[in-house]
Amino acid sequence: MLSYRHGYHAGNYADVLKHAMLIQVLKAMQKKDKPYVYIDTHAGAGAYSLTDEFAQKTGEYLEGVAKLWDHANLPSALADYVESVRHFNAEFDGELTVYPGSPAIVDVELRPQDRMVLHELHITDHELLENYFIKDKQVKVIKGDGLQGLIAAVPPLERRGVILIDPSYEMKTDYQDVAETLIKAHKRFATGTFILWYPVVKREQTEAMLTLLKNSGIKKQLRIEQAINADSDEFGMTAAGLWVINPPWQMDVLAKEALDYLAPLLGHADGKTTVKWEVGE
């Protein structure tokens, strides 16, 4: 349960979509001066070296962020994303050497009035995360179960918030636990923007989780998904997506523009993309 390390997967196609959309949510939050809190249930190590053994072993970033690195005239969401990743590689003369995790990306966007609450259970990653933010008074790093921590963290004093739920789904029970926790958290904080990342390894398992959310009575639920391959019974992730509750205005439009660009670049012939309001107003 504690073996998952995101370093193996940092910068892959799922990260491209997740972080491109996360940045757009943050930019939408910044349109008001009022403070907001960012809550991350599975924060990881903060940032990742693409030259270390984890990234080099899988090379997943080569089929993700690396394919966008030298592209010009990107759709706005992808342009903002690449600019964000470039910020972390400035000291390497613009070479793609480091990949920021969600906490590092949010940290750059954080205004003086905003704050972060980060949960991480893996011993090593928690230590790395704590060291990354050791002198940052706007950031609280918690060693513990992020799903339990989420319930304790909402509703926030700010009454404005972005919640990223990004578990490893190593345990079969994670799928139901995630849905139940999200529903409970929404009851406590109905105006928050909740971003649930999900993989598709076994389609029926993923859809069972998403159906629980769809049937929960919660309004404004948007699916954003990239399948790089058709669903398969073979081992491995064929698709990844975001299930967003209370997305900002025009997130569906920005997502479609990004996925239309990413589909031929990162996907295969039998892949497809989906941007769909599963539950409306």
C-alpha atoms as a PDB file:
ATOM      1  CA  MET A   1       0.000   0.000   0.000  1.00  0.00           C
ATOM      2  CA  LEU A   2       2.917   2.319   0.632  1.00  0.00           C
ATOM      3  CA  SER A   3       5.072   1.230  -2.308  1.00  0.00           C
ATOM      4  CA  TYR A   4       3.800   3.698  -4.925  1.00  0.00           C
ATOM      5  CA  ARG A   5       6.311   6.370  -6.014  1.00  0.00           C
ATOM      6  CA  HIS A   6       5.183   8.956  -8.524  1.00  0.00           C
ATOM      7  CA  GLY A   7       8.784   9.470  -9.644  1.00  0.00           C
ATOM      8  CA  TYR A   8       8.360   6.521 -12.010  1.00  0.00           C
ATOM      9  CA  HIS A   9       5.483   8.268 -13.781  1.00  0.00           C
ATOM     10  CA  ALA A  10       6.340  11.971 -13.466  1.00  0.00           C
ATOM     11  CA  GLY A  11       5.639  13.917 -16.656  1.00  0.00           C
ATOM     12  CA  ASN A  12       3.730  11.128 -18.391  1.00  0.00           C
ATOM     13  CA  TYR A  13       0.651  11.752 -20.545  1.00  0.00           C
ATOM     14  CA  ALA A  14      -1.624  11.611 -17.505  1.00  0.00           C
ATOM     15  CA  ASP A  15       0.435  14.319 -15.772  1.00  0.00           C
ATOM     16  CA  VAL A  16       0.247  16.511 -18.871  1.00  0.00           C
ATOM     17  CA  LEU A  17      -3.557  16.550 -18.772  1.00  0.00           C
ATOM     18  CA  LYS A  18      -3.793  16.744 -14.986  1.00  0.00           C
ATOM     19  CA  HIS A  19      -1.376  19.618 -14.546  1.00  0.00           C
ATOM     20  CA  ALA A  20      -2.548  21.571 -17.589  1.00  0.00           C
ATOM     21  CA  MET A  21      -6.092  21.561 -16.215  1.00  0.00           C
ATOM     22  CA  LEU A  22      -4.984  22.209 -12.623  1.00  0.00           C
ATOM     23  CA  ILE A  23      -3.210  25.389 -13.721  1.00  0.00           C
ATOM     24  CA  GLN A  24      -6.385  26.606 -15.433  1.00  0.00           C
ATOM     25  CA  VAL A  25      -8.401  26.029 -12.261  1.00  0.00           C
ATOM     26  CA  LEU A  26      -5.835  28.031 -10.270  1.00  0.00           C
ATOM     27  CA  LYS A  27      -5.910  30.873 -12.790  1.00  0.00           C
ATOM     28  CA  ALA A  28      -9.689  30.979 -12.506  1.00  0.00           C
ATOM     29  CA  MET A  29      -9.437  31.169  -8.699  1.00  0.00           C
ATOM     30  CA  GLN A  30      -7.013  34.082  -9.001  1.00  0.00           C
ATOM     31  CA  LYS A  31      -9.582  36.209 -10.828  1.00  0.00           C
ATOM     32  CA  LYS A  32     -10.907  37.162  -7.388  1.00  0.00           C
ATOM     33  CA  ASP A  33      -8.731  38.742  -4.728  1.00  0.00           C
ATOM     34  CA  LYS A  34     -10.273  36.613  -1.989  1.00  0.00           C
ATOM     35  CA  PRO A  35      -7.948  33.909  -0.619  1.00  0.00           C
ATOM     36  CA  TYR A  36      -8.318  30.237  -1.377  1.00  0.00           C
ATOM     37  CA  VAL A  37      -6.833  27.011  -0.049  1.00  0.00           C
ATOM     38  CA  TYR A  38      -5.351  24.228  -2.156  1.00  0.00           C
ATOM     39  CA  ILE A  39      -5.718  20.774  -0.604  1.00  0.00           C
ATOM     40  CA  ASP A  40      -3.803  17.814  -2.024  1.00  0.00           C
ATOM     41  CA  THR A  41      -4.682  14.360  -0.685  1.00  0.00           C
ATOM     42  CA  HIS A  42      -1.727  12.490  -2.230  1.00  0.00           C
ATOM     43  CA  ALA A  43       0.953  15.124  -2.744  1.00  0.00           C
ATOM     44  CA  GLY A  44       3.999  12.978  -3.539  1.00  0.00           C
ATOM     45  CA  ALA A  45       7.539  14.326  -3.233  1.00  0.00           C
ATOM     46  CA  GLY A  46       6.873  17.837  -4.568  1.00  0.00           C
ATOM     47  CA  ALA A  47       9.173  17.690  -7.602  1.00  0.00           C
ATOM     48  CA  TYR A  48      11.094  15.031  -9.523  1.00  0.00           C
ATOM     49  CA  SER A  49      14.400  14.685 -11.309  1.00  0.00           C
ATOM     50  CA  LEU A  50      13.997  13.210 -14.779  1.00  0.00           C
ATOM     51  CA  THR A  51      17.603  12.049 -14.735  1.00  0.00           C
ATOM     52  CA  ASP A  52      17.249   9.755 -11.714  1.00  0.00           C
ATOM     53  CA  GLU A  53      16.652   6.015 -11.757  1.00  0.00           C
ATOM     54  CA  PHE A  54      12.877   6.290 -11.334  1.00  0.00           C
ATOM     55  CA  ALA A  55      12.223   8.392 -14.426  1.00  0.00           C
ATOM     56  CA  GLN A  56      14.948   6.726 -16.501  1.00  0.00           C
ATOM     57  CA  LYS A  57      13.672   3.236 -15.723  1.00  0.00           C
ATOM     58  CA  THR A  58      10.241   3.863 -17.237  1.00  0.00           C
ATOM     59  CA  GLY A  59      10.930   6.805 -19.565  1.00  0.00           C
ATOM     60  CA  GLU A  60       7.249   7.731 -19.337  1.00  0.00           C
ATOM     61  CA  TYR A  61       7.989  11.450 -19.516  1.00  0.00           C
ATOM     62  CA  LEU A  62       9.369  10.884 -23.044  1.00  0.00           C
ATOM     63  CA  GLU A  63       5.831   9.993 -24.129  1.00  0.00           C
ATOM     64  CA  GLY A  64       4.370  12.925 -22.209  1.00  0.00           C
ATOM     65  CA  VAL A  65       5.816  16.344 -21.430  1.00  0.00           C
ATOM     66  CA  ALA A  66       8.910  15.789 -23.628  1.00  0.00           C
ATOM     67  CA  LYS A  67       6.720  15.606 -26.746  1.00  0.00           C
ATOM     68  CA  LEU A  68       5.392  19.110 -26.051  1.00  0.00           C
ATOM     69  CA  TRP A  69       8.683  20.671 -25.029  1.00  0.00           C
ATOM     70  CA  ASP A  70       9.665  22.357 -28.282  1.00  0.00           C
ATOM     71  CA  HIS A  71       6.197  23.004 -29.678  1.00  0.00           C
ATOM     72  CA  ALA A  72       5.093  26.535 -30.504  1.00  0.00           C
ATOM     73  CA  ASN A  73       1.536  27.857 -30.912  1.00  0.00           C
ATOM     74  CA  LEU A  74       0.092  25.518 -28.307  1.00  0.00           C
ATOM     75  CA  PRO A  75      -3.519  25.846 -27.143  1.00  0.00           C
ATOM     76  CA  SER A  76      -3.668  28.223 -24.165  1.00  0.00           C
ATOM     77  CA  ALA A  77      -3.942  25.556 -21.446  1.00  0.00           C
ATOM     78  CA  LEU A  78      -0.958  23.630 -22.823  1.00  0.00           C
ATOM     79  CA  ALA A  79       1.063  26.814 -23.357  1.00  0.00           C
ATOM     80  CA  ASP A  80       0.540  27.766 -19.697  1.00  0.00           C
ATOM     81  CA  TYR A  81       1.506  24.238 -18.663  1.00  0.00           C
ATOM     82  CA  VAL A  82       4.754  24.136 -20.662  1.00  0.00           C
ATOM     83  CA  GLU A  83       5.643  27.615 -19.395  1.00  0.00           C
ATOM     84  CA  SER A  84       5.150  26.372 -15.824  1.00  0.00           C
ATOM     85  CA  VAL A  85       7.409  23.345 -16.345  1.00  0.00           C
ATOM     86  CA  ARG A  86      10.013  25.534 -18.088  1.00  0.00           C
ATOM     87  CA  HIS A  87      10.149  27.723 -14.976  1.00  0.00           C
ATOM     88  CA  PHE A  88      11.578  24.764 -13.040  1.00  0.00           C
ATOM     89  CA  ASN A  89      14.146  24.051 -15.737  1.00  0.00           C
ATOM     90  CA  ALA A  90      15.491  27.583 -16.149  1.00  0.00           C
ATOM     91  CA  GLU A  91      18.700  26.747 -14.271  1.00  0.00           C
ATOM     92  CA  PHE A  92      19.315  23.849 -16.684  1.00  0.00           C
ATOM     93  CA  ASP A  93      19.393  26.175 -19.718  1.00  0.00           C
ATOM     94  CA  GLY A  94      15.888  25.147 -20.641  1.00  0.00           C
ATOM     95  CA  GLU A  95      16.706  21.441 -20.911  1.00  0.00           C
ATOM     96  CA  LEU A  96      13.929  19.181 -19.601  1.00  0.00           C
ATOM     97  CA  THR A  97      15.642  17.927 -16.447  1.00  0.00           C
ATOM     98  CA  VAL A  98      13.135  18.454 -13.629  1.00  0.00           C
ATOM     99  CA  TYR A  99       9.415  17.819 -13.468  1.00  0.00           C
ATOM    100  CA  PRO A 100       7.305  19.683 -10.901  1.00  0.00           C
ATOM    101  CA  GLY A 101       4.638  17.773  -9.041  1.00  0.00           C
ATOM    102  CA  SER A 102       1.280  19.352  -8.271  1.00  0.00           C
ATOM    103  CA  PRO A 103       2.491  21.016  -5.029  1.00  0.00           C
ATOM    104  CA  ALA A 104       5.437  22.686  -6.804  1.00  0.00           C
ATOM    105  CA  ILE A 105       3.186  23.910  -9.616  1.00  0.00           C
ATOM    106  CA  VAL A 106       0.674  25.335  -7.148  1.00  0.00           C
ATOM    107  CA  ASP A 107       3.447  26.900  -5.057  1.00  0.00           C
ATOM    108  CA  VAL A 108       4.475  29.109  -7.984  1.00  0.00           C
ATOM    109  CA  GLU A 109       0.856  30.227  -8.463  1.00  0.00           C
ATOM    110  CA  LEU A 110       0.163  30.861  -4.771  1.00  0.00           C
ATOM    111  CA  ARG A 111      -0.510  34.476  -3.822  1.00  0.00           C
ATOM    112  CA  PRO A 112       0.373  35.884  -0.368  1.00  0.00           C
ATOM    113  CA  GLN A 113      -3.209  35.425   0.854  1.00  0.00           C
ATOM    114  CA  ASP A 114      -3.498  31.771  -0.267  1.00  0.00           C
ATOM    115  CA  ARG A 115      -2.302  28.566   1.385  1.00  0.00           C
ATOM    116  CA  MET A 116      -1.726  24.858   0.784  1.00  0.00           C
ATOM    117  CA  VAL A 117      -2.489  21.734   2.807  1.00  0.00           C
ATOM    118  CA  LEU A 118      -0.530  18.715   1.564  1.00  0.00           C
ATOM    119  CA  HIS A 119      -0.984  15.091   2.652  1.00  0.00           C
ATOM    120  CA  GLU A 120       1.499  12.304   1.952  1.00  0.00           C
ATOM    121  CA  LEU A 121       1.673   8.884   3.594  1.00  0.00           C
ATOM    122  CA  HIS A 122       4.805   7.398   1.971  1.00  0.00           C
ATOM    123  CA  ILE A 123       7.682   7.867   4.432  1.00  0.00           C
ATOM    124  CA  THR A 124      10.355   8.897   1.906  1.00  0.00           C
ATOM    125  CA  ASP A 125       8.109  11.098  -0.209  1.00  0.00           C
ATOM    126  CA  HIS A 126       6.739  12.803   2.894  1.00  0.00           C
ATOM    127  CA  GLU A 127      10.259  13.613   4.021  1.00  0.00           C
ATOM    128  CA  LEU A 128      11.138  15.030   0.589  1.00  0.00           C
ATOM    129  CA  LEU A 129       7.924  17.048   0.530  1.00  0.00           C
ATOM    130  CA  GLU A 130       8.525  18.420   4.025  1.00  0.00           C
ATOM    131  CA  ASN A 131      12.061  19.465   3.072  1.00  0.00           C
ATOM    132  CA  TYR A 132      10.798  21.110  -0.117  1.00  0.00           C
ATOM    133  CA  PHE A 133       8.489  23.401   1.878  1.00  0.00           C
ATOM    134  CA  ILE A 134      10.439  23.554   5.135  1.00  0.00           C
ATOM    135  CA  LYS A 135      10.502  27.374   5.384  1.00  0.00           C
ATOM    136  CA  ASP A 136       7.205  28.088   3.666  1.00  0.00           C
ATOM    137  CA  LYS A 137       4.645  29.373   6.170  1.00  0.00           C
ATOM    138  CA  GLN A 138       1.841  29.174   3.593  1.00  0.00           C
ATOM    139  CA  VAL A 139       2.185  25.413   3.338  1.00  0.00           C
ATOM    140  CA  LYS A 140       1.166  22.735   5.830  1.00  0.00           C
ATOM    141  CA  VAL A 141       2.605  19.263   5.174  1.00  0.00           C
ATOM    142  CA  ILE A 142       0.824  16.386   6.905  1.00  0.00           C
ATOM    143  CA  LYS A 143       2.054  12.794   7.154  1.00  0.00           C
ATOM    144  CA  GLY A 144      -1.102  10.776   6.977  1.00  0.00           C
ATOM    145  CA  ASP A 145      -3.968   9.372   4.944  1.00  0.00           C
ATOM    146  CA  GLY A 146      -5.114  12.088   2.573  1.00  0.00           C
ATOM    147  CA  LEU A 147      -8.709  10.909   2.351  1.00  0.00           C
ATOM    148  CA  GLN A 148      -9.121  11.157   6.110  1.00  0.00           C
ATOM    149  CA  GLY A 149      -7.209  14.420   6.064  1.00  0.00           C
ATOM    150  CA  LEU A 150      -9.536  15.885   3.444  1.00  0.00           C
ATOM    151  CA  ILE A 151     -12.586  15.466   5.666  1.00  0.00           C
ATOM    152  CA  ALA A 152     -10.731  17.197   8.494  1.00  0.00           C
ATOM    153  CA  ALA A 153      -9.667  20.057   6.194  1.00  0.00           C
ATOM    154  CA  VAL A 154     -13.109  21.082   4.918  1.00  0.00           C
ATOM    155  CA  PRO A 155     -14.852  23.407   5.040  1.00  0.00           C
ATOM    156  CA  PRO A 156     -11.865  25.765   4.995  1.00  0.00           C
ATOM    157  CA  LEU A 157     -11.959  29.173   6.670  1.00  0.00           C
ATOM    158  CA  GLU A 158     -11.455  30.809   3.269  1.00  0.00           C
ATOM    159  CA  ARG A 159     -14.677  29.291   1.898  1.00  0.00           C
ATOM    160  CA  ARG A 160     -12.871  29.012  -1.444  1.00  0.00           C
ATOM    161  CA  GLY A 161     -10.794  25.992  -2.341  1.00  0.00           C
ATOM    162  CA  VAL A 162      -9.317  23.619  -4.896  1.00  0.00           C
ATOM    163  CA  ILE A 163      -9.034  19.990  -3.846  1.00  0.00           C
ATOM    164  CA  LEU A 164      -6.916  17.530  -5.839  1.00  0.00           C
ATOM    165  CA  ILE A 165      -7.575  13.856  -5.116  1.00  0.00           C
ATOM    166  CA  ASP A 166      -4.876  11.862  -6.858  1.00  0.00           C
ATOM    167  CA  PRO A 167      -4.418   8.434  -5.232  1.00  0.00           C
ATOM    168  CA  SER A 168      -2.391   5.541  -6.605  1.00  0.00           C
ATOM    169  CA  TYR A 169      -5.378   3.151  -6.663  1.00  0.00           C
ATOM    170  CA  GLU A 170      -3.058   0.344  -5.543  1.00  0.00           C
ATOM    171  CA  MET A 171      -5.831  -1.153  -3.420  1.00  0.00           C
ATOM    172  CA  LYS A 172      -9.092  -2.253  -5.050  1.00  0.00           C
ATOM    173  CA  THR A 173     -10.944  -0.609  -2.177  1.00  0.00           C
ATOM    174  CA  ASP A 174      -9.455   2.769  -3.153  1.00  0.00           C
ATOM    175  CA  TYR A 175     -12.076   3.228  -5.860  1.00  0.00           C
ATOM    176  CA  GLN A 176     -15.030   3.056  -3.486  1.00  0.00           C
ATOM    177  CA  ASP A 177     -13.195   4.861  -0.687  1.00  0.00           C
ATOM    178  CA  VAL A 178     -12.380   7.758  -2.999  1.00  0.00           C
ATOM    179  CA  ALA A 179     -15.984   8.152  -4.180  1.00  0.00           C
ATOM    180  CA  GLU A 180     -17.398   7.964  -0.659  1.00  0.00           C
ATOM    181  CA  THR A 181     -14.846  10.449   0.666  1.00  0.00           C
ATOM    182  CA  LEU A 182     -15.450  12.908  -2.151  1.00  0.00           C
ATOM    183  CA  ILE A 183     -19.222  12.787  -1.597  1.00  0.00           C
ATOM    184  CA  LYS A 184     -18.727  13.337   2.136  1.00  0.00           C
ATOM    185  CA  ALA A 185     -16.295  16.208   1.553  1.00  0.00           C
ATOM    186  CA  HIS A 186     -18.691  17.855  -0.907  1.00  0.00           C
ATOM    187  CA  LYS A 187     -21.460  17.780   1.696  1.00  0.00           C
ATOM    188  CA  ARG A 188     -19.161  19.727   3.997  1.00  0.00           C
ATOM    189  CA  PHE A 189     -17.864  22.082   1.294  1.00  0.00           C
ATOM    190  CA  ALA A 190     -20.348  22.232  -1.571  1.00  0.00           C
ATOM    191  CA  THR A 191     -18.750  25.247  -3.282  1.00  0.00           C
ATOM    192  CA  GLY A 192     -15.230  23.798  -3.541  1.00  0.00           C
ATOM    193  CA  THR A 193     -13.702  22.759  -6.856  1.00  0.00           C
ATOM    194  CA  PHE A 194     -12.870  19.057  -6.571  1.00  0.00           C
ATOM    195  CA  ILE A 195     -10.494  17.507  -9.115  1.00  0.00           C
ATOM    196  CA  LEU A 196     -10.400  13.717  -9.019  1.00  0.00           C
ATOM    197  CA  TRP A 197      -7.692  12.050 -11.089  1.00  0.00           C
ATOM    198  CA  TYR A 198      -8.470   8.506 -12.187  1.00  0.00           C
ATOM    199  CA  PRO A 199      -6.751   5.793 -14.228  1.00  0.00           C
ATOM    200  CA  VAL A 200      -8.408   3.272 -16.515  1.00  0.00           C
ATOM    201  CA  VAL A 201      -6.814  -0.121 -15.980  1.00  0.00           C
ATOM    202  CA  LYS A 202     -10.065  -2.066 -15.756  1.00  0.00           C
ATOM    203  CA  ARG A 203     -12.814   0.087 -17.248  1.00  0.00           C
ATOM    204  CA  GLU A 204     -15.612  -1.450 -15.171  1.00  0.00           C
ATOM    205  CA  GLN A 205     -13.757  -0.714 -11.934  1.00  0.00           C
ATOM    206  CA  THR A 206     -13.259   2.936 -12.845  1.00  0.00           C
ATOM    207  CA  GLU A 207     -16.803   3.396 -14.113  1.00  0.00           C
ATOM    208  CA  ALA A 208     -18.251   1.890 -10.925  1.00  0.00           C
ATOM    209  CA  MET A 209     -16.493   4.630  -8.941  1.00  0.00           C
ATOM    210  CA  LEU A 210     -17.597   7.376 -11.318  1.00  0.00           C
ATOM    211  CA  THR A 211     -21.183   6.090 -11.326  1.00  0.00           C
ATOM    212  CA  LEU A 212     -21.294   6.497  -7.536  1.00  0.00           C
ATOM    213  CA  LEU A 213     -20.368  10.138  -8.029  1.00  0.00           C
ATOM    214  CA  LYS A 214     -22.761  10.618 -10.932  1.00  0.00           C
ATOM    215  CA  ASN A 215     -25.673   9.247  -8.874  1.00  0.00           C
ATOM    216  CA  SER A 216     -24.788  11.165  -5.709  1.00  0.00           C
ATOM    217  CA  GLY A 217     -27.030  14.150  -6.387  1.00  0.00           C
ATOM    218  CA  ILE A 218     -24.028  16.466  -6.757  1.00  0.00           C
ATOM    219  CA  LYS A 219     -24.430  18.999  -9.575  1.00  0.00           C
ATOM    220  CA  LYS A 220     -21.847  20.221 -12.105  1.00  0.00           C
ATOM    221  CA  GLN A 221     -19.697  17.135 -12.756  1.00  0.00           C
ATOM    222  CA  LEU A 222     -17.384  17.238 -15.789  1.00  0.00           C
ATOM    223  CA  ARG A 223     -15.412  14.321 -17.274  1.00  0.00           C
ATOM    224  CA  ILE A 224     -12.129  15.081 -19.067  1.00  0.00           C
ATOM    225  CA  GLU A 225     -10.403  11.918 -20.313  1.00  0.00           C
ATOM    226  CA  GLN A 226      -7.654  10.856 -22.677  1.00  0.00           C
ATOM    227  CA  ALA A 227      -7.523   7.222 -23.721  1.00  0.00           C
ATOM    228  CA  ILE A 228      -4.235   6.648 -25.521  1.00  0.00           C
ATOM    229  CA  ASN A 229      -5.383   3.120 -26.369  1.00  0.00           C
ATOM    230  CA  ALA A 230      -8.699   1.308 -26.529  1.00  0.00           C
ATOM    231  CA  ASP A 231      -9.880  -0.393 -23.329  1.00  0.00           C
ATOM    232  CA  SER A 232      -8.145  -3.723 -22.825  1.00  0.00           C
ATOM    233  CA  ASP A 233      -8.129  -6.748 -20.524  1.00  0.00           C
ATOM    234  CA  GLU A 234      -4.346  -6.729 -20.592  1.00  0.00           C
ATOM    235  CA  PHE A 235      -2.358  -5.242 -17.714  1.00  0.00           C
ATOM    236  CA  GLY A 236      -1.623  -1.548 -17.853  1.00  0.00           C
ATOM    237  CA  MET A 237      -3.270   1.865 -17.919  1.00  0.00           C
ATOM    238  CA  THR A 238      -4.979   2.615 -21.228  1.00  0.00           C
ATOM    239  CA  ALA A 239      -6.531   5.945 -20.231  1.00  0.00           C
ATOM    240  CA  ALA A 240      -6.480   8.604 -17.562  1.00  0.00           C
ATOM    241  CA  GLY A 241      -8.888  11.353 -16.753  1.00  0.00           C
ATOM    242  CA  LEU A 242     -10.134  14.056 -14.460  1.00  0.00           C
ATOM    243  CA  TRP A 243     -13.565  14.140 -12.889  1.00  0.00           C
ATOM    244  CA  VAL A 244     -14.156  17.753 -11.910  1.00  0.00           C
ATOM    245  CA  ILE A 245     -16.914  18.957  -9.608  1.00  0.00           C
ATOM    246  CA  ASN A 246     -17.674  22.693  -9.817  1.00  0.00           C
ATOM    247  CA  PRO A 247     -15.210  23.366 -12.650  1.00  0.00           C
ATOM    248  CA  PRO A 248     -14.577  27.022 -13.490  1.00  0.00           C
ATOM    249  CA  TRP A 249     -16.334  28.627 -16.427  1.00  0.00           C
ATOM    250  CA  GLN A 250     -15.175  27.390 -19.843  1.00  0.00           C
ATOM    251  CA  MET A 251     -13.014  24.592 -18.443  1.00  0.00           C
ATOM    252  CA  ASP A 252     -14.786  22.236 -20.842  1.00  0.00           C
ATOM    253  CA  VAL A 253     -13.780  24.426 -23.783  1.00  0.00           C
ATOM    254  CA  LEU A 254     -10.148  24.676 -22.656  1.00  0.00           C
ATOM    255  CA  ALA A 255     -10.030  20.925 -22.056  1.00  0.00           C
ATOM    256  CA  LYS A 256     -11.390  20.114 -25.514  1.00  0.00           C
ATOM    257  CA  GLU A 257      -8.852  22.412 -27.169  1.00  0.00           C
ATOM    258  CA  ALA A 258      -6.030  20.755 -25.221  1.00  0.00           C
ATOM    259  CA  LEU A 259      -7.194  17.191 -25.886  1.00  0.00           C
ATOM    260  CA  ASP A 260      -7.749  17.840 -29.597  1.00  0.00           C
ATOM    261  CA  TYR A 261      -4.080  18.821 -29.725  1.00  0.00           C
ATOM    262  CA  LEU A 262      -2.839  16.004 -27.489  1.00  0.00           C
ATOM    263  CA  ALA A 263      -4.769  13.159 -29.140  1.00  0.00           C
ATOM    264  CA  PRO A 264      -2.566  12.733 -32.248  1.00  0.00           C
ATOM    265  CA  LEU A 265       0.590  13.702 -30.346  1.00  0.00           C
ATOM    266  CA  LEU A 266       0.363  11.379 -27.342  1.00  0.00           C
ATOM    267  CA  GLY A 267      -2.345   8.888 -28.269  1.00  0.00           C
ATOM    268  CA  HIS A 268      -2.444   5.916 -30.618  1.00  0.00           C
ATOM    269  CA  ALA A 269      -4.791   5.178 -33.502  1.00  0.00           C
ATOM    270  CA  ASP A 270      -7.332   3.357 -31.325  1.00  0.00           C
ATOM    271  CA  GLY A 271      -7.338   6.025 -28.612  1.00  0.00           C
ATOM    272  CA  LYS A 272      -9.983   8.677 -28.030  1.00  0.00           C
ATOM    273  CA  THR A 273     -10.707  11.742 -25.922  1.00  0.00           C
ATOM    274  CA  THR A 274     -13.809  12.706 -23.953  1.00  0.00           C
ATOM    275  CA  VAL A 275     -15.019  16.004 -22.560  1.00  0.00           C
ATOM    276  CA  LYS A 276     -18.538  15.512 -21.223  1.00  0.00           C
ATOM    277  CA  TRP A 277     -20.818  17.052 -18.646  1.00  0.00           C
ATOM    278  CA  GLU A 278     -21.900  13.906 -16.805  1.00  0.00           C
ATOM    279  CA  VAL A 279     -24.113  15.980 -14.488  1.00  0.00           C
ATOM    280  CA  GLY A 280     -25.229  19.503 -15.318  1.00  0.00           C
ATOM    281  CA  GLU A 281     -26.447  22.414 -13.217  1.00  0.00           C
END
